[in-house]
Amino acid sequence: MRATTLYAVIAAITFSATSSAPTPLYHLYQQSLHLSALAITLVFAAYAFAMLGALLTVAKLSDYVGRRPMILAALLLNALALVIFIVAGSAEILILARVVQGVATGIALATLGAAIVDTDPRNGAVYNSFTAFLGLTVGSLLAGALVSWAPLPTQLVYMVLLAVSLVEALVVFVMPETIDSKPGALRALLPNVAIPAKARPALIRLMPLNLAAWALGGFYLSLMPTLVAVATGSRTPFTGAAVVAALMLTGTLTVLWLRSSRPERLVRTGGVWLGLGIALTLVAIQQQSAAGMLAATVVAGVGFGATYSGNLRTLLPLAGEHERAGLLAAYFVESYLFFAIPAIGAGILAPVFGLVPTAFLYGGVLIALSMLSLLAGRVSPSASPLGVR
């Protein structure tokens, strides 16, 4: 692996790790700042919406002004977000930090992903397939460990990541540029969301499973640490962090494990394992078993990773080269809405019905969506891109 590729991979992992670092702290924020479940989900959703906005606009600027300036801008924004986290003392400041962090991550993941492909066209897609999930795993575990056993529980993890981000910013000054600049930067700021006619049936057919997977991820990254504490009585934040990390790590390994599988097999695998994993998680919640929740999450993680990979590998071949960016934009608009809005809904319901009953309702809906996706594939015509039988 070339040095520039290695740097881009490490930096991409750092951004994803930074984005998941607040997750193990949410329960602590609830207690120390007296925040409701809705407030926590709004803090989480602020990141998702800001990242989506960046992906649709400024994330494309690196194709015109170069990778290095945009990587540096993203790192400096990320550092600013971490400073805001360190001094945060209210929900409003946490939301501000998450908005800045979302913009930084949206810029970074698009730019670093492109830099990885620039420097290693052969393996770039493989590296990009696991950097986000691996970073989410690292961030959850690092934050969970520091919150559980180190001083300054609401600050130290951000200080560590701030130091890493600043070092990576310094490296930008000595790394080579991987693309020539070109005119058209202002035009690139206009969102390009377009679904090719050939891809529309598949996108609609995949929607229930895509909703189930992204909504599950949104719940895990916002409310799962609190749910683990409430359902099992665990007082160690690392327990909730480990459950969250299990979903992301298993998703990473599944993407790599099934990378040579056909898209239709991935979609079928995603629907079955996602539904089964969620059902087992609900059983573990009923039994108040943290170990059971961890094991069940591993099962759900297989479905999570297979769904993510299968959806993209089904859709992308249905778009021409000039249509691909618009299709990806449409896919991620849909996905990030599914990532944030259901979690906000859970945050609204939790104070009314309780977090555990809300989790059962939420999980039941996601299981139904997973099963619906299998039915949609089974009844699709033989010419269907999914080819599920």
Protein backbone atom coordinates (compact mmCIF):
# COMPACT_ATOMS: atom_id res chain seq x y z
CA MET A 1 0.00 0.00 0.00
CA ARG A 2 1.38 3.40 -0.99
CA ALA A 3 2.00 5.95 1.76
CA THR A 4 -0.66 8.32 0.43
CA THR A 5 -3.21 5.51 0.27
CA LEU A 6 -2.36 4.46 3.81
CA TYR A 7 -2.74 8.03 5.03
CA ALA A 8 -6.13 8.39 3.36
CA VAL A 9 -7.35 5.09 4.84
CA ILE A 10 -6.20 6.05 8.35
CA ALA A 11 -7.71 9.53 8.05
CA ALA A 12 -11.04 8.11 6.84
CA ILE A 13 -11.09 5.71 9.79
CA THR A 14 -10.34 8.65 12.10
CA PHE A 15 -13.31 10.65 10.83
CA SER A 16 -15.68 7.72 11.26
CA ALA A 17 -14.25 7.03 14.72
CA THR A 18 -14.80 10.66 15.68
CA SER A 19 -18.41 10.48 14.50
CA SER A 20 -19.20 7.51 16.77
CA ALA A 21 -17.22 8.73 19.79
CA PRO A 22 -20.21 10.57 21.34
CA THR A 23 -22.38 7.43 21.26
CA PRO A 24 -21.12 5.85 24.53
CA LEU A 25 -21.42 9.26 26.20
CA TYR A 26 -25.09 9.81 25.41
CA HIS A 27 -26.33 8.06 28.54
CA LEU A 28 -23.87 10.10 30.61
CA TYR A 29 -25.07 13.30 28.92
CA GLN A 30 -28.65 12.31 29.74
CA GLN A 31 -27.78 12.00 33.42
CA SER A 32 -25.45 14.98 33.82
CA LEU A 33 -27.32 17.45 31.59
CA HIS A 34 -30.80 16.08 32.34
CA LEU A 35 -31.56 15.40 28.68
CA SER A 36 -34.52 13.43 27.36
CA ALA A 37 -34.31 10.59 24.86
CA LEU A 38 -35.68 13.01 22.26
CA ALA A 39 -32.87 15.48 22.95
CA ILE A 40 -30.30 12.72 22.48
CA THR A 41 -31.81 11.62 19.16
CA LEU A 42 -31.87 15.25 17.98
CA VAL A 43 -28.16 15.56 18.82
CA PHE A 44 -27.57 12.40 16.79
CA ALA A 45 -29.81 13.47 13.91
CA ALA A 46 -28.09 16.86 13.63
CA TYR A 47 -24.96 15.00 12.55
CA ALA A 48 -26.80 12.91 9.96
CA PHE A 49 -28.56 15.89 8.36
CA ALA A 50 -25.38 18.01 8.32
CA MET A 51 -23.39 15.18 6.77
CA LEU A 52 -26.07 14.67 4.13
CA GLY A 53 -26.00 18.37 3.27
CA ALA A 54 -22.22 18.27 2.89
CA LEU A 55 -22.33 15.14 0.73
CA LEU A 56 -24.77 16.83 -1.63
CA THR A 57 -22.81 20.09 -1.94
CA VAL A 58 -19.26 20.80 -0.78
CA ALA A 59 -18.16 17.14 -0.78
CA LYS A 60 -17.68 17.29 -4.57
CA LEU A 61 -15.34 20.29 -4.48
CA SER A 62 -12.19 18.15 -4.31
CA ASP A 63 -12.74 17.12 -7.94
CA TYR A 64 -12.17 20.78 -8.85
CA VAL A 65 -9.84 22.34 -6.27
CA GLY A 66 -7.83 19.22 -5.40
CA ARG A 67 -7.89 16.65 -2.62
CA ARG A 68 -5.39 18.29 -0.25
CA PRO A 69 -7.26 21.58 0.38
CA MET A 70 -10.51 19.76 1.09
CA ILE A 71 -8.86 17.17 3.36
CA LEU A 72 -7.23 20.00 5.32
CA ALA A 73 -10.52 21.91 5.56
CA ALA A 74 -12.31 18.79 6.80
CA LEU A 75 -9.64 18.10 9.43
CA LEU A 76 -9.76 21.67 10.73
CA LEU A 77 -13.57 21.56 10.91
CA ASN A 78 -13.31 18.24 12.72
CA ALA A 79 -10.86 19.76 15.19
CA LEU A 80 -13.29 22.64 15.78
CA ALA A 81 -16.12 20.18 16.44
CA LEU A 82 -13.97 18.32 18.98
CA VAL A 83 -13.15 21.56 20.80
CA ILE A 84 -16.87 22.34 21.00
CA PHE A 85 -17.52 18.86 22.41
CA ILE A 86 -14.85 19.39 25.06
CA VAL A 87 -16.54 22.55 26.37
CA ALA A 88 -20.16 21.46 25.73
CA GLY A 89 -22.54 21.91 28.64
CA SER A 90 -25.97 21.83 27.03
CA ALA A 91 -27.98 20.09 24.32
CA GLU A 92 -27.70 23.15 22.10
CA ILE A 93 -23.89 23.10 22.20
CA LEU A 94 -23.86 19.34 21.57
CA ILE A 95 -26.06 19.88 18.51
CA LEU A 96 -23.70 22.60 17.27
CA ALA A 97 -20.74 20.25 17.67
CA ARG A 98 -22.56 17.51 15.78
CA VAL A 99 -23.49 19.86 12.93
CA VAL A 100 -19.87 20.95 12.48
CA GLN A 101 -18.76 17.34 12.77
CA GLY A 102 -21.32 16.22 10.18
CA VAL A 103 -20.12 18.78 7.64
CA ALA A 104 -16.49 17.80 8.27
CA THR A 105 -17.22 14.09 7.90
CA GLY A 106 -19.28 14.57 4.74
CA ILE A 107 -16.40 16.46 3.11
CA ALA A 108 -13.80 14.02 4.39
CA LEU A 109 -15.36 10.71 3.48
CA ALA A 110 -16.08 11.79 -0.10
CA THR A 111 -12.65 13.38 -0.56
CA LEU A 112 -10.62 10.68 1.18
CA GLY A 113 -12.59 7.98 -0.61
CA ALA A 114 -11.70 9.59 -3.92
CA ALA A 115 -8.05 9.95 -2.87
CA ILE A 116 -7.91 6.25 -2.01
CA VAL A 117 -9.16 5.34 -5.50
CA ASP A 118 -6.78 7.91 -7.07
CA THR A 119 -3.76 6.26 -5.50
CA ASP A 120 -4.87 2.62 -5.67
CA PRO A 121 -7.49 2.08 -8.39
CA ARG A 122 -7.28 -1.69 -8.07
CA ASN A 123 -8.01 -2.00 -4.34
CA GLY A 124 -9.61 1.36 -3.62
CA ALA A 125 -13.17 0.06 -3.65
CA VAL A 126 -12.28 -2.63 -1.11
CA TYR A 127 -10.63 -0.11 1.22
CA ASN A 128 -13.60 2.24 0.94
CA SER A 129 -16.01 -0.58 1.74
CA PHE A 130 -14.67 -1.04 5.27
CA THR A 131 -13.16 2.27 6.43
CA ALA A 132 -16.47 3.74 7.64
CA PHE A 133 -17.61 0.64 9.56
CA LEU A 134 -14.14 0.06 11.01
CA GLY A 135 -13.91 3.67 12.16
CA LEU A 136 -17.33 3.47 13.81
CA THR A 137 -16.13 0.36 15.66
CA VAL A 138 -12.89 1.98 16.82
CA GLY A 139 -14.64 5.17 17.93
CA SER A 140 -17.28 3.34 19.95
CA LEU A 141 -14.77 1.09 21.71
CA LEU A 142 -12.24 3.86 22.38
CA ALA A 143 -14.87 6.18 23.81
CA GLY A 144 -16.48 3.37 25.82
CA ALA A 145 -13.15 2.40 27.36
CA LEU A 146 -12.10 5.95 28.22
CA VAL A 147 -15.52 6.86 29.61
CA SER A 148 -15.56 3.73 31.76
CA TRP A 149 -12.04 3.68 33.16
CA ALA A 150 -10.23 7.00 32.51
CA PRO A 151 -10.55 10.49 34.00
CA LEU A 152 -12.48 13.33 32.34
CA PRO A 153 -15.17 11.00 30.93
CA THR A 154 -16.89 13.64 28.79
CA GLN A 155 -13.68 15.21 27.51
CA LEU A 156 -10.72 12.82 27.25
CA VAL A 157 -11.84 10.91 24.16
CA TYR A 158 -12.32 14.20 22.32
CA MET A 159 -8.87 15.38 23.42
CA VAL A 160 -7.28 12.19 22.06
CA LEU A 161 -9.10 12.49 18.74
CA LEU A 162 -8.27 16.20 18.56
CA ALA A 163 -4.56 15.40 18.85
CA VAL A 164 -4.85 12.75 16.12
CA SER A 165 -6.74 15.15 13.83
CA LEU A 166 -4.14 17.90 14.26
CA VAL A 167 -1.30 15.50 13.45
CA GLU A 168 -3.15 14.35 10.34
CA ALA A 169 -3.64 18.01 9.36
CA LEU A 170 0.12 18.56 9.52
CA VAL A 171 0.71 15.56 7.27
CA VAL A 172 -1.47 17.13 4.56
CA PHE A 173 1.26 19.74 3.97
CA VAL A 174 3.74 17.07 2.86
CA MET A 175 1.45 14.66 1.02
CA PRO A 176 1.33 14.85 -2.78
CA GLU A 177 -1.78 16.05 -4.61
CA THR A 178 -3.51 13.20 -6.44
CA ILE A 179 -5.63 15.17 -8.92
CA ASP A 180 -5.28 18.27 -11.10
CA SER A 181 -7.57 21.20 -10.35
CA LYS A 182 -10.13 22.29 -12.95
CA PRO A 183 -12.79 25.01 -13.33
CA GLY A 184 -16.40 24.52 -12.34
CA ALA A 185 -16.18 24.51 -8.53
CA LEU A 186 -19.21 26.77 -8.02
CA ARG A 187 -21.34 24.62 -10.29
CA ALA A 188 -20.31 21.58 -8.25
CA LEU A 189 -22.03 23.05 -5.20
CA LEU A 190 -25.43 22.42 -6.77
CA PRO A 191 -26.95 19.14 -5.53
CA ASN A 192 -27.30 16.51 -8.24
CA VAL A 193 -29.99 14.05 -7.20
CA ALA A 194 -31.28 11.99 -10.11
CA ILE A 195 -32.56 8.43 -10.35
CA PRO A 196 -32.03 6.79 -13.76
CA ALA A 197 -35.23 5.22 -15.08
CA LYS A 198 -33.54 1.82 -15.23
CA ALA A 199 -32.68 1.95 -11.51
CA ARG A 200 -36.04 3.12 -10.16
CA PRO A 201 -37.74 -0.31 -9.84
CA ALA A 202 -34.74 -1.73 -7.97
CA LEU A 203 -34.46 1.31 -5.69
CA ILE A 204 -38.15 1.01 -4.78
CA ARG A 205 -37.89 -2.75 -4.26
CA LEU A 206 -34.83 -2.33 -2.02
CA MET A 207 -36.42 0.46 0.03
CA PRO A 208 -37.93 -1.67 2.86
CA LEU A 209 -34.63 -3.44 3.54
CA ASN A 210 -32.65 -0.22 3.21
CA LEU A 211 -35.00 1.42 5.71
CA ALA A 212 -34.63 -1.48 8.14
CA ALA A 213 -30.82 -1.46 7.99
CA TRP A 214 -30.26 2.28 8.27
CA ALA A 215 -32.96 2.72 10.92
CA LEU A 216 -31.27 -0.01 12.95
CA GLY A 217 -27.93 1.78 12.64
CA GLY A 218 -29.53 5.06 13.71
CA PHE A 219 -31.06 3.47 16.80
CA TYR A 220 -27.77 1.81 17.78
CA LEU A 221 -25.74 5.00 17.42
CA SER A 222 -28.23 7.11 19.38
CA LEU A 223 -30.23 5.11 21.94
CA MET A 224 -28.64 1.66 22.20
CA PRO A 225 -26.12 2.52 24.97
CA THR A 226 -28.98 3.89 27.08
CA LEU A 227 -31.14 0.86 26.25
CA VAL A 228 -28.36 -1.51 27.37
CA ALA A 229 -28.08 0.36 30.68
CA VAL A 230 -31.86 0.46 31.23
CA ALA A 231 -32.60 -3.11 30.13
CA THR A 232 -29.68 -4.88 31.82
CA GLY A 233 -28.79 -2.57 34.71
CA SER A 234 -25.20 -2.30 33.46
CA ARG A 235 -23.39 0.71 34.90
CA THR A 236 -20.34 0.42 32.66
CA PRO A 237 -20.56 2.54 29.48
CA PHE A 238 -18.18 0.12 27.77
CA THR A 239 -20.93 -2.52 27.72
CA GLY A 240 -23.20 -0.36 25.58
CA ALA A 241 -20.23 0.69 23.44
CA ALA A 242 -19.34 -2.96 22.83
CA VAL A 243 -22.87 -3.73 21.64
CA VAL A 244 -22.75 -0.78 19.22
CA ALA A 245 -19.27 -1.76 18.04
CA ALA A 246 -20.42 -5.34 17.43
CA LEU A 247 -22.91 -4.15 14.82
CA MET A 248 -20.30 -2.09 12.98
CA LEU A 249 -17.45 -4.60 13.22
CA THR A 250 -19.61 -7.48 12.05
CA GLY A 251 -20.85 -5.30 9.21
CA THR A 252 -17.23 -4.62 8.21
CA LEU A 253 -16.26 -8.28 8.26
CA THR A 254 -19.39 -9.26 6.34
CA VAL A 255 -18.66 -6.76 3.55
CA LEU A 256 -15.17 -8.27 3.19
CA TRP A 257 -16.31 -11.88 3.64
CA LEU A 258 -19.05 -11.67 1.00
CA ARG A 259 -17.27 -9.31 -1.40
CA SER A 260 -17.29 -11.93 -4.18
CA SER A 261 -20.95 -12.88 -3.69
CA ARG A 262 -23.63 -11.95 -6.19
CA PRO A 263 -25.77 -8.92 -5.30
CA GLU A 264 -28.96 -10.99 -5.14
CA ARG A 265 -27.38 -13.31 -2.57
CA LEU A 266 -26.27 -10.33 -0.50
CA VAL A 267 -29.77 -8.84 -0.49
CA ARG A 268 -31.31 -12.17 0.48
CA THR A 269 -28.71 -12.68 3.21
CA GLY A 270 -29.27 -9.15 4.48
CA GLY A 271 -33.02 -9.60 4.86
CA VAL A 272 -32.80 -12.94 6.66
CA TRP A 273 -29.95 -12.13 9.05
CA LEU A 274 -31.15 -8.61 9.81
CA GLY A 275 -34.63 -9.79 10.79
CA LEU A 276 -33.27 -12.73 12.78
CA GLY A 277 -30.70 -10.58 14.59
CA ILE A 278 -33.26 -7.97 15.60
CA ALA A 279 -35.63 -10.67 16.87
CA LEU A 280 -32.84 -12.24 18.95
CA THR A 281 -31.91 -8.81 20.30
CA LEU A 282 -35.48 -8.30 21.53
CA VAL A 283 -35.35 -11.71 23.25
CA ALA A 284 -32.09 -10.70 24.95
CA ILE A 285 -33.65 -7.42 26.10
CA GLN A 286 -36.57 -9.34 27.59
CA GLN A 287 -34.09 -11.60 29.41
CA GLN A 288 -32.08 -8.55 30.58
CA SER A 289 -28.92 -10.13 29.16
CA ALA A 290 -26.11 -7.87 27.95
CA ALA A 291 -24.22 -10.90 26.62
CA GLY A 292 -27.32 -11.96 24.72
CA MET A 293 -27.69 -8.49 23.22
CA LEU A 294 -24.05 -8.60 22.13
CA ALA A 295 -24.44 -12.02 20.49
CA ALA A 296 -27.71 -11.07 18.80
CA THR A 297 -26.13 -7.88 17.49
CA VAL A 298 -23.45 -9.94 15.77
CA VAL A 299 -26.23 -11.75 13.88
CA ALA A 300 -27.88 -8.44 12.97
CA GLY A 301 -24.48 -7.08 11.92
CA VAL A 302 -24.20 -9.76 9.23
CA GLY A 303 -27.50 -8.54 7.82
CA PHE A 304 -26.41 -4.92 8.18
CA GLY A 305 -23.21 -5.42 6.19
CA ALA A 306 -24.80 -7.66 3.56
CA THR A 307 -27.62 -5.18 3.01
CA TYR A 308 -25.27 -2.22 2.60
CA SER A 309 -23.06 -4.04 0.12
CA GLY A 310 -25.91 -5.75 -1.72
CA ASN A 311 -27.90 -2.56 -2.22
CA LEU A 312 -24.99 -0.62 -3.69
CA ARG A 313 -23.85 -3.51 -5.89
CA THR A 314 -27.39 -3.93 -7.18
CA LEU A 315 -27.97 -0.26 -7.96
CA LEU A 316 -24.66 1.00 -9.35
CA PRO A 317 -24.57 -1.24 -12.46
CA LEU A 318 -27.99 0.16 -13.41
CA ALA A 319 -26.57 3.67 -13.94
CA GLY A 320 -24.38 4.93 -16.73
CA GLU A 321 -21.12 6.64 -15.88
CA HIS A 322 -22.71 10.10 -16.17
CA GLU A 323 -25.70 8.98 -14.06
CA ARG A 324 -23.79 7.38 -11.19
CA ALA A 325 -23.24 10.49 -9.07
CA GLY A 326 -26.92 11.42 -9.20
CA LEU A 327 -28.00 7.89 -8.29
CA LEU A 328 -25.57 7.73 -5.37
CA ALA A 329 -26.83 11.10 -4.15
CA ALA A 330 -30.42 9.84 -4.29
CA TYR A 331 -29.47 6.64 -2.48
CA PHE A 332 -27.70 8.49 0.31
CA VAL A 333 -30.49 11.06 0.68
CA GLU A 334 -32.89 8.17 1.21
CA SER A 335 -30.48 6.31 3.50
CA TYR A 336 -29.61 9.24 5.77
CA LEU A 337 -33.28 10.15 6.13
CA PHE A 338 -33.87 6.54 7.20
CA PHE A 339 -30.84 6.85 9.49
CA ALA A 340 -32.16 9.90 11.37
CA ILE A 341 -35.95 10.17 11.23
CA PRO A 342 -36.89 6.78 12.76
CA ALA A 343 -34.44 7.40 15.61
CA ILE A 344 -36.10 10.76 16.27
CA GLY A 345 -39.44 8.95 16.32
CA ALA A 346 -38.08 6.55 18.93
CA GLY A 347 -36.87 9.52 20.95
CA ILE A 348 -40.38 10.97 20.91
CA LEU A 349 -42.02 7.69 21.96
CA ALA A 350 -39.53 6.69 24.67
CA PRO A 351 -40.58 9.30 27.29
CA VAL A 352 -44.23 8.37 26.73
CA PHE A 353 -44.09 4.56 26.69
CA GLY A 354 -40.64 3.83 28.10
CA LEU A 355 -37.45 2.97 26.24
CA VAL A 356 -37.84 -0.82 26.41
CA PRO A 357 -41.42 -0.89 25.01
CA THR A 358 -40.31 1.59 22.35
CA ALA A 359 -37.44 -0.72 21.42
CA PHE A 360 -39.87 -3.63 21.00
CA LEU A 361 -42.14 -1.55 18.76
CA TYR A 362 -39.18 -0.24 16.77
CA GLY A 363 -37.68 -3.71 16.40
CA GLY A 364 -41.01 -5.23 15.38
CA VAL A 365 -41.41 -2.71 12.57
CA LEU A 366 -37.85 -3.38 11.35
CA ILE A 367 -38.43 -7.15 11.37
CA ALA A 368 -41.59 -6.64 9.30
CA LEU A 369 -39.65 -4.48 6.83
CA SER A 370 -36.93 -7.14 6.53
CA MET A 371 -39.51 -9.82 5.78
CA LEU A 372 -41.28 -7.50 3.33
CA SER A 373 -38.03 -7.08 1.42
CA LEU A 374 -37.73 -10.85 1.01
CA LEU A 375 -41.31 -11.03 -0.25
CA ALA A 376 -40.70 -8.16 -2.68
CA GLY A 377 -37.69 -9.99 -4.09
CA ARG A 378 -39.55 -13.29 -4.37
CA VAL A 379 -42.42 -11.85 -6.40
CA SER A 380 -40.25 -9.66 -8.64
CA PRO A 381 -40.20 -10.46 -12.36
CA SER A 382 -37.49 -12.67 -13.79
CA ALA A 383 -35.81 -9.66 -15.33
CA SER A 384 -35.43 -8.07 -11.92
CA PRO A 385 -31.92 -6.84 -11.12
CA LEU A 386 -32.27 -8.50 -7.73
CA GLY A 387 -32.95 -11.91 -9.16
CA VAL A 388 -34.09 -13.16 -5.75
CA ARG A 389 -35.94 -16.47 -5.87
